[in-house]
Amino acid sequence: MKGLKKIALATAVAAAPFAAHADLKALDDSAMGNVTGQSGVSIELETEVSIGEFRYTDDGYLSVNDIFIGGGTVERDGSGNVTGVSGLLDDLLIDIDVEADGDAFIDVHSISGAPIDFAVGVGSASLNATDGSGDTTLLASNIGIEGGLAQLNIRVDTATDDLIMNVGFNVTDMDMDVDFLGVNIRDMRVMGTNFLETGGAGVDPADPTTLANAYAFATITVGKGTSAATGGDALEIAIPEFRADIIVGAVEIGGASIGSFQMDNLAVTNTNMKVYGH
């Protein structure tokens, strides 16, 4: 609801007891719509999610076990195994509007105005045989991702039938063991394109240009496309632009660090992929 219409509605509700003995006239639906403004829905959300196993089956299957989604930090036991997350995914406010041209617009942001902190933990991901051999390959384990969400806008465009997402986020700490390669990733960060140039300077709330100090930004479009190989329908995912600085604190092989690396001003542009069955 718009500001004045909110005030008008609140005043009407507050005055209702005093009008109990007055002559009242009911408003029809059209008139009530004019009073309330019909300007969409807002949802405040806090949650914590855990999944024992996610399984994708083709002939064999991919199994992802012990998935935790929340806020705060990723929790680990004394051996470094992921056991959960420390808090709720909270401080979320979701505004949903259907505009005059039919587009649905969803804006996800925080109630407080600060970025939304998130934490994702995954125990393991493995490939498994179903031919009776019992073969299995542990792809990765003890995956922990912590970061912040600064922006998430989603539009369903009725003119193109596409879902368009604009997202600003960072990963402040990511650790994982890539078991089948014998490689461990430690202290990985995905930050804004000015992060390295500014020496990790923070964000000034009064200066929107400083968001690029800390947050990577991407545009993603999802819709129906046509496969160039088969001529059939496909799920088309396009990334017109993704820009970030990426820092990895340590790469371990055989349990020992071989050093660190960083990528300054990574730009992924004009990227398009089509996904379909075969």
Protein backbone atom coordinates (compact mmCIF):
# COMPACT_ATOMS: atom_id res chain seq x y z
CA MET A 1 0.00 0.00 0.00
CA LYS A 2 1.12 3.53 -0.66
CA GLY A 3 1.88 5.77 2.32
CA LEU A 4 -1.28 7.90 2.37
CA LYS A 5 -3.50 4.92 1.69
CA LYS A 6 -1.87 3.03 4.57
CA ILE A 7 -2.66 5.96 6.86
CA ALA A 8 -6.23 6.13 5.59
CA LEU A 9 -6.78 2.44 6.19
CA ALA A 10 -5.18 2.51 9.65
CA THR A 11 -7.33 5.50 10.60
CA ALA A 12 -10.45 3.72 9.42
CA VAL A 13 -9.61 0.63 11.48
CA ALA A 14 -8.85 2.70 14.59
CA ALA A 15 -12.10 4.65 14.27
CA ALA A 16 -14.30 1.58 13.86
CA PRO A 17 -15.30 1.20 17.56
CA PHE A 18 -16.39 4.85 17.74
CA ALA A 19 -18.57 4.43 14.67
CA ALA A 20 -20.48 1.49 16.08
CA HIS A 21 -23.56 3.61 16.79
CA ALA A 22 -23.34 5.80 13.69
CA ASP A 23 -25.01 5.32 10.34
CA LEU A 24 -22.66 3.08 8.35
CA LYS A 25 -22.57 2.29 4.65
CA ALA A 26 -20.72 -0.79 3.44
CA LEU A 27 -18.05 -0.36 0.77
CA ASP A 28 -18.24 -2.60 -2.26
CA ASP A 29 -15.11 -4.47 -3.49
CA SER A 30 -14.22 -1.78 -6.00
CA ALA A 31 -14.38 1.00 -3.44
CA MET A 32 -12.40 -1.03 -0.92
CA GLY A 33 -9.73 -1.63 -3.56
CA ASN A 34 -9.36 2.12 -3.98
CA VAL A 35 -8.92 2.56 -0.22
CA THR A 36 -6.30 -0.17 0.25
CA GLY A 37 -4.39 0.51 -2.96
CA GLN A 38 -3.93 -3.19 -3.83
CA SER A 39 -0.19 -2.61 -4.05
CA GLY A 40 1.04 -6.12 -3.43
CA VAL A 41 2.06 -8.42 -0.61
CA SER A 42 4.98 -8.27 1.83
CA ILE A 43 6.28 -11.36 3.64
CA GLU A 44 8.66 -11.34 6.61
CA LEU A 45 10.57 -14.63 6.85
CA GLU A 46 12.94 -16.48 9.12
CA THR A 47 13.82 -20.13 8.65
CA GLU A 48 16.37 -22.90 9.00
CA VAL A 49 16.39 -25.86 6.60
CA SER A 50 18.04 -29.27 6.79
CA ILE A 51 17.87 -32.08 4.24
CA GLY A 52 19.13 -35.57 4.99
CA GLU A 53 19.71 -36.53 1.35
CA PHE A 54 19.08 -35.07 -2.09
CA ARG A 55 19.31 -37.75 -4.80
CA TYR A 56 19.30 -37.42 -8.58
CA THR A 57 18.87 -40.77 -10.37
CA ASP A 58 19.70 -41.46 -14.01
CA ASP A 59 21.05 -45.00 -14.36
CA GLY A 60 23.33 -44.55 -11.39
CA TYR A 61 22.69 -41.69 -8.98
CA LEU A 62 24.20 -38.56 -7.48
CA SER A 63 23.71 -38.28 -3.72
CA VAL A 64 24.14 -35.06 -1.73
CA ASN A 65 23.93 -35.68 2.01
CA ASP A 66 23.45 -33.60 5.15
CA ILE A 67 22.45 -30.23 3.70
CA PHE A 68 22.01 -27.31 6.11
CA ILE A 69 20.75 -23.82 5.18
CA GLY A 70 20.49 -20.97 7.66
CA GLY A 71 22.36 -17.93 8.92
CA GLY A 72 25.43 -17.19 11.01
CA THR A 73 28.27 -19.65 10.49
CA VAL A 74 28.78 -23.26 9.42
CA GLU A 75 29.34 -25.52 12.42
CA ARG A 76 31.94 -28.30 12.40
CA ASP A 77 33.10 -30.97 14.83
CA GLY A 78 36.67 -31.42 16.03
CA SER A 79 37.60 -33.29 12.85
CA GLY A 80 36.28 -30.55 10.57
CA ASN A 81 33.12 -32.40 9.56
CA VAL A 82 30.09 -30.20 8.83
CA THR A 83 27.41 -30.66 11.50
CA GLY A 84 25.00 -27.76 10.90
CA VAL A 85 24.66 -23.97 10.90
CA SER A 86 24.66 -21.69 13.91
CA GLY A 87 21.52 -19.63 13.31
CA LEU A 88 18.41 -18.80 11.34
CA LEU A 89 18.21 -17.36 7.86
CA ASP A 90 16.34 -14.28 9.05
CA ASP A 91 15.84 -10.52 8.67
CA LEU A 92 14.18 -11.26 5.30
CA LEU A 93 11.47 -9.09 3.78
CA ILE A 94 9.95 -10.20 0.47
CA ASP A 95 7.82 -7.71 -1.50
CA ILE A 96 5.64 -9.19 -4.27
CA ASP A 97 3.83 -7.07 -6.86
CA VAL A 98 1.98 -7.80 -10.10
CA GLU A 99 2.37 -4.74 -12.28
CA ALA A 100 -0.07 -3.24 -14.78
CA ASP A 101 1.64 -4.98 -17.72
CA GLY A 102 1.24 -8.36 -15.99
CA ASP A 103 4.87 -8.71 -14.90
CA ALA A 104 5.42 -10.28 -11.48
CA PHE A 105 8.15 -8.50 -9.51
CA ILE A 106 9.72 -9.96 -6.36
CA ASP A 107 12.17 -7.93 -4.28
CA VAL A 108 14.07 -9.75 -1.52
CA HIS A 109 15.85 -7.52 0.99
CA SER A 110 16.41 -7.19 4.71
CA ILE A 111 14.16 -5.62 7.31
CA SER A 112 17.10 -3.91 9.02
CA GLY A 113 18.70 -2.55 5.85
CA ALA A 114 21.87 -4.58 6.44
CA PRO A 115 22.87 -7.41 4.06
CA ILE A 116 21.26 -10.77 4.82
CA ASP A 117 23.81 -13.19 6.24
CA PHE A 118 23.58 -16.81 5.11
CA ALA A 119 25.34 -20.09 5.81
CA VAL A 120 25.17 -23.31 3.79
CA GLY A 121 26.73 -26.59 4.89
CA VAL A 122 26.92 -29.87 2.94
CA GLY A 123 28.25 -33.08 4.41
CA SER A 124 29.12 -34.92 1.19
CA ALA A 125 28.38 -35.40 -2.50
CA SER A 126 29.00 -38.74 -4.20
CA LEU A 127 28.37 -40.74 -7.38
CA ASN A 128 26.94 -44.22 -6.84
CA ALA A 129 26.46 -47.29 -9.02
CA THR A 130 23.16 -49.20 -9.27
CA ASP A 131 24.50 -52.19 -11.27
CA GLY A 132 25.22 -54.23 -8.16
CA SER A 133 28.94 -53.48 -8.14
CA GLY A 134 28.70 -51.20 -5.11
CA ASP A 135 31.08 -48.72 -6.73
CA THR A 136 30.98 -45.17 -5.37
CA THR A 137 33.05 -42.01 -5.80
CA LEU A 138 33.17 -39.35 -3.10
CA LEU A 139 33.26 -36.12 -5.09
CA ALA A 140 33.42 -33.57 -2.28
CA SER A 141 32.79 -33.31 1.45
CA ASN A 142 32.59 -30.87 4.34
CA ILE A 143 31.46 -27.98 2.18
CA GLY A 144 30.86 -24.78 4.13
CA ILE A 145 29.76 -21.47 2.60
CA GLU A 146 29.17 -18.23 4.53
CA GLY A 147 28.31 -14.85 3.06
CA GLY A 148 25.86 -12.01 2.61
CA LEU A 149 23.02 -11.17 0.24
CA ALA A 150 22.84 -7.47 -0.64
CA GLN A 151 20.32 -7.61 -3.50
CA LEU A 152 17.89 -10.08 -5.07
CA ASN A 153 15.31 -8.88 -7.60
CA ILE A 154 13.24 -11.36 -9.61
CA ARG A 155 10.97 -10.43 -12.50
CA VAL A 156 8.72 -12.72 -14.54
CA ASP A 157 8.44 -10.82 -17.83
CA THR A 158 5.18 -11.42 -19.67
CA ALA A 159 6.55 -9.90 -22.89
CA THR A 160 9.38 -12.46 -23.17
CA ASP A 161 8.16 -15.26 -20.83
CA ASP A 162 11.54 -15.06 -19.10
CA LEU A 163 12.47 -15.05 -15.43
CA ILE A 164 15.10 -12.35 -14.86
CA MET A 165 17.20 -12.20 -11.69
CA ASN A 166 19.55 -9.47 -10.51
CA VAL A 167 21.62 -10.54 -7.52
CA GLY A 168 24.33 -8.92 -5.41
CA PHE A 169 26.13 -11.21 -2.95
CA ASN A 170 29.43 -12.19 -1.46
CA VAL A 171 31.04 -15.29 0.00
CA THR A 172 33.17 -14.32 2.97
CA ASP A 173 34.42 -17.84 3.73
CA MET A 174 34.20 -21.13 1.83
CA ASP A 175 35.98 -24.37 2.66
CA MET A 176 35.60 -27.74 0.95
CA ASP A 177 37.40 -31.03 0.40
CA VAL A 178 37.45 -32.22 -3.23
CA ASP A 179 38.04 -35.82 -2.23
CA PHE A 180 38.29 -37.57 -5.59
CA LEU A 181 41.11 -35.20 -6.61
CA GLY A 182 42.80 -35.10 -3.20
CA VAL A 183 42.52 -31.29 -3.16
CA ASN A 184 41.22 -29.07 -0.35
CA ILE A 185 40.08 -25.45 -0.78
CA ARG A 186 40.48 -23.18 2.22
CA ASP A 187 39.35 -19.60 2.97
CA MET A 188 37.83 -18.87 -0.43
CA ARG A 189 36.08 -15.52 -0.88
CA VAL A 190 33.92 -14.14 -3.70
CA MET A 191 33.77 -10.35 -3.40
CA GLY A 192 33.06 -7.20 -5.41
CA THR A 193 35.22 -6.09 -8.32
CA ASN A 194 36.72 -3.23 -6.29
CA PHE A 195 37.62 -5.43 -3.32
CA LEU A 196 41.26 -6.00 -4.22
CA GLU A 197 41.78 -2.48 -5.57
CA THR A 198 40.55 -0.90 -2.34
CA GLY A 199 42.41 -3.29 -0.07
CA GLY A 200 39.16 -4.80 1.21
CA ALA A 201 37.52 -1.48 2.07
CA GLY A 202 34.01 -1.76 3.40
CA VAL A 203 30.71 -0.36 2.18
CA ASP A 204 29.58 3.20 2.89
CA PRO A 205 25.75 3.12 3.17
CA ALA A 206 25.63 6.72 1.92
CA ASP A 207 27.60 5.85 -1.25
CA PRO A 208 26.03 3.11 -3.44
CA THR A 209 29.16 2.95 -5.60
CA THR A 210 31.01 1.32 -2.69
CA LEU A 211 28.81 -1.80 -2.97
CA ALA A 212 31.33 -3.07 -5.54
CA ASN A 213 33.94 -3.09 -2.77
CA ALA A 214 32.25 -6.03 -1.10
CA TYR A 215 29.57 -7.57 -3.34
CA ALA A 216 29.70 -9.44 -6.62
CA PHE A 217 26.82 -8.72 -8.99
CA ALA A 218 25.18 -10.93 -11.61
CA THR A 219 22.22 -10.90 -13.98
CA ILE A 220 20.65 -14.27 -14.82
CA THR A 221 17.82 -14.96 -17.27
CA VAL A 222 15.90 -18.25 -17.33
CA GLY A 223 13.34 -19.23 -19.95
CA LYS A 224 12.38 -21.70 -22.66
CA GLY A 225 14.75 -22.00 -25.60
CA THR A 226 15.41 -24.24 -28.58
CA SER A 227 18.28 -26.71 -28.79
CA ALA A 228 20.63 -26.08 -31.71
CA ALA A 229 21.47 -29.80 -31.79
CA THR A 230 17.98 -31.33 -31.69
CA GLY A 231 15.59 -28.50 -32.57
CA GLY A 232 13.52 -29.40 -29.49
CA ASP A 233 12.59 -27.41 -26.42
CA ALA A 234 15.27 -26.70 -23.84
CA LEU A 235 15.70 -24.85 -20.57
CA GLU A 236 17.73 -21.78 -21.52
CA ILE A 237 19.89 -20.07 -18.91
CA ALA A 238 21.70 -16.87 -19.85
CA ILE A 239 24.22 -14.89 -17.81
CA PRO A 240 24.60 -11.51 -19.52
CA GLU A 241 27.03 -10.38 -16.84
CA PHE A 242 28.77 -11.62 -13.70
CA ARG A 243 31.67 -9.70 -12.16
CA ALA A 244 33.70 -10.46 -9.04
CA ASP A 245 37.08 -10.65 -7.33
CA ILE A 246 37.90 -14.18 -6.12
CA ILE A 247 40.49 -14.97 -3.45
CA VAL A 248 41.54 -18.45 -2.27
CA GLY A 249 43.52 -18.44 0.95
CA ALA A 250 45.06 -21.89 0.49
CA VAL A 251 44.99 -24.88 -1.84
CA GLU A 252 45.99 -28.08 -0.09
CA ILE A 253 47.25 -31.22 -1.83
CA GLY A 254 48.20 -34.18 0.31
CA GLY A 255 47.25 -32.22 3.40
CA ALA A 256 49.83 -29.46 2.80
CA SER A 257 49.25 -26.02 1.32
CA ILE A 258 50.80 -25.32 -2.08
CA GLY A 259 49.94 -21.61 -1.87
CA SER A 260 47.12 -19.17 -2.50
CA PHE A 261 45.72 -17.43 -5.57
CA GLN A 262 43.36 -14.65 -6.58
CA MET A 263 41.47 -13.44 -9.65
CA ASP A 264 41.02 -9.69 -10.00
CA ASN A 265 38.09 -8.32 -11.99
CA LEU A 266 36.72 -11.65 -13.19
CA ALA A 267 34.03 -10.98 -15.81
CA VAL A 268 31.72 -13.66 -17.21
CA THR A 269 29.62 -12.12 -20.00
CA ASN A 270 27.39 -13.14 -22.92
CA THR A 271 27.07 -16.67 -21.55
CA ASN A 272 24.21 -18.88 -22.70
CA MET A 273 23.45 -22.54 -22.09
CA LYS A 274 20.58 -24.82 -23.01
CA VAL A 275 19.68 -27.84 -20.91
CA TYR A 276 17.63 -30.79 -22.18
CA GLY A 277 17.31 -34.56 -21.84
CA HIS A 278 18.87 -37.11 -24.15
